[in-house]
């Protein structure tokens, strides 16, 4: 599973990256976590709110996201066929 955290390096972006790492570890999911800070690449996702969470190329959440919400999203996506 590829997970990207889109953000320009602000405190919320860094916090989301850390929370994603923690969620992946706690859930025991095998995932590659990528921090995308290049604004041109971020713009390709056509979003206006940062940070954003992208799983397997699809934007699944935007803005401030709690650890609980991240775990719920990853659990749901990890159980889909």
C-alpha atoms as a PDB file:
ATOM      1  CA  UNK A   1       0.000   0.000   0.000  1.00  0.00           C
ATOM      2  CA  UNK A   2       1.336   3.440  -0.903  1.00  0.00           C
ATOM      3  CA  UNK A   3       0.367   6.315   1.378  1.00  0.00           C
ATOM      4  CA  UNK A   4       1.263   9.910   0.569  1.00  0.00           C
ATOM      5  CA  UNK A   5       1.037  12.868   2.885  1.00  0.00           C
ATOM      6  CA  UNK A   6       0.638  16.006   0.799  1.00  0.00           C
ATOM      7  CA  UNK A   7       1.823  19.207   2.415  1.00  0.00           C
ATOM      8  CA  UNK A   8       4.310  22.016   2.189  1.00  0.00           C
ATOM      9  CA  UNK A   9       6.095  21.239   5.451  1.00  0.00           C
ATOM     10  CA  UNK A  10       3.860  23.106   7.909  1.00  0.00           C
ATOM     11  CA  UNK A  11       3.288  21.849  11.450  1.00  0.00           C
ATOM     12  CA  UNK A  12      -0.020  20.180  10.522  1.00  0.00           C
ATOM     13  CA  UNK A  13       1.640  18.397   7.594  1.00  0.00           C
ATOM     14  CA  UNK A  14       4.425  17.087   9.810  1.00  0.00           C
ATOM     15  CA  UNK A  15       1.899  16.023  12.457  1.00  0.00           C
ATOM     16  CA  UNK A  16      -0.125  14.119   9.848  1.00  0.00           C
ATOM     17  CA  UNK A  17       2.982  12.313   8.609  1.00  0.00           C
ATOM     18  CA  UNK A  18       3.865  11.276  12.160  1.00  0.00           C
ATOM     19  CA  UNK A  19       0.275  10.156  12.837  1.00  0.00           C
ATOM     20  CA  UNK A  20       0.239   8.078   9.635  1.00  0.00           C
ATOM     21  CA  UNK A  21       3.488   6.384  10.668  1.00  0.00           C
ATOM     22  CA  UNK A  22       1.989   5.610  14.071  1.00  0.00           C
ATOM     23  CA  UNK A  23      -1.280   4.299  12.579  1.00  0.00           C
ATOM     24  CA  UNK A  24       0.545   2.017  10.130  1.00  0.00           C
ATOM     25  CA  UNK A  25       2.710   0.667  12.946  1.00  0.00           C
ATOM     26  CA  UNK A  26      -0.225   0.121  15.326  1.00  0.00           C
ATOM     27  CA  UNK A  27      -2.328  -1.573  12.640  1.00  0.00           C
ATOM     28  CA  UNK A  28       0.543  -3.717  11.402  1.00  0.00           C
ATOM     29  CA  UNK A  29      -0.053  -2.668   7.797  1.00  0.00           C
ATOM     30  CA  UNK A  30       2.682  -3.028   5.217  1.00  0.00           C
ATOM     31  CA  UNK A  31       2.868   0.400   3.601  1.00  0.00           C
ATOM     32  CA  UNK A  32       5.260   2.793   1.936  1.00  0.00           C
ATOM     33  CA  UNK A  33       4.762   6.265   3.406  1.00  0.00           C
ATOM     34  CA  UNK A  34       5.814   9.184   1.218  1.00  0.00           C
ATOM     35  CA  UNK A  35       5.941  12.850   2.189  1.00  0.00           C
ATOM     36  CA  UNK A  36       5.125  14.960  -0.898  1.00  0.00           C
ATOM     37  CA  UNK A  37       6.138  18.606  -0.457  1.00  0.00           C
ATOM     38  CA  UNK A  38       6.560  19.587  -4.119  1.00  0.00           C
ATOM     39  CA  UNK A  39       3.762  22.100  -4.768  1.00  0.00           C
ATOM     40  CA  UNK A  40       3.552  21.255  -8.468  1.00  0.00           C
ATOM     41  CA  UNK A  41       2.987  17.576  -7.672  1.00  0.00           C
ATOM     42  CA  UNK A  42       0.490  18.439  -4.930  1.00  0.00           C
ATOM     43  CA  UNK A  43      -1.475  20.561  -7.417  1.00  0.00           C
ATOM     44  CA  UNK A  44      -1.922  17.483  -9.644  1.00  0.00           C
ATOM     45  CA  UNK A  45      -4.342  16.129  -7.017  1.00  0.00           C
ATOM     46  CA  UNK A  46      -6.627  19.163  -7.521  1.00  0.00           C
ATOM     47  CA  UNK A  47      -7.074  19.890  -3.819  1.00  0.00           C
ATOM     48  CA  UNK A  48      -7.237  23.227  -2.052  1.00  0.00           C
ATOM     49  CA  UNK A  49      -6.812  22.074   1.553  1.00  0.00           C
ATOM     50  CA  UNK A  50      -3.573  20.850   3.078  1.00  0.00           C
ATOM     51  CA  UNK A  51      -2.456  18.577   4.482  1.00  0.00           C
ATOM     52  CA  UNK A  52      -4.069  15.774   2.523  1.00  0.00           C
ATOM     53  CA  UNK A  53      -3.857  12.014   2.730  1.00  0.00           C
ATOM     54  CA  UNK A  54      -3.578   9.965  -0.462  1.00  0.00           C
ATOM     55  CA  UNK A  55      -3.827   6.175  -0.475  1.00  0.00           C
ATOM     56  CA  UNK A  56      -3.045   4.256  -3.657  1.00  0.00           C
ATOM     57  CA  UNK A  57      -3.343   7.462  -5.703  1.00  0.00           C
ATOM     58  CA  UNK A  58      -6.742   8.503  -4.316  1.00  0.00           C
ATOM     59  CA  UNK A  59      -7.286  11.468  -1.982  1.00  0.00           C
ATOM     60  CA  UNK A  60      -9.020  10.010   1.084  1.00  0.00           C
ATOM     61  CA  UNK A  61      -8.866  12.934   3.538  1.00  0.00           C
ATOM     62  CA  UNK A  62      -8.016  16.641   3.686  1.00  0.00           C
ATOM     63  CA  UNK A  63      -7.232  19.054   6.488  1.00  0.00           C
ATOM     64  CA  UNK A  64      -6.432  18.151  10.066  1.00  0.00           C
ATOM     65  CA  UNK A  65      -7.002  14.411  10.530  1.00  0.00           C
ATOM     66  CA  UNK A  66      -6.904  12.603  13.874  1.00  0.00           C
ATOM     67  CA  UNK A  67      -5.035   9.369  14.515  1.00  0.00           C
ATOM     68  CA  UNK A  68      -8.382   7.663  15.126  1.00  0.00           C
ATOM     69  CA  UNK A  69      -9.680   8.790  11.721  1.00  0.00           C
ATOM     70  CA  UNK A  70      -6.469   7.732   9.961  1.00  0.00           C
ATOM     71  CA  UNK A  71      -6.707   4.278  11.513  1.00  0.00           C
ATOM     72  CA  UNK A  72     -10.366   3.979  10.470  1.00  0.00           C
ATOM     73  CA  UNK A  73      -9.556   4.993   6.878  1.00  0.00           C
ATOM     74  CA  UNK A  74      -6.607   2.622   6.617  1.00  0.00           C
ATOM     75  CA  UNK A  75      -8.529  -0.256   8.180  1.00  0.00           C
ATOM     76  CA  UNK A  76     -11.412   0.218   5.760  1.00  0.00           C
ATOM     77  CA  UNK A  77      -9.119   0.483   2.732  1.00  0.00           C
ATOM     78  CA  UNK A  78      -6.987  -2.456   3.824  1.00  0.00           C
ATOM     79  CA  UNK A  79     -10.046  -4.743   3.966  1.00  0.00           C
ATOM     80  CA  UNK A  80     -11.335  -3.857   0.487  1.00  0.00           C
ATOM     81  CA  UNK A  81     -10.655  -6.459  -2.214  1.00  0.00           C
END
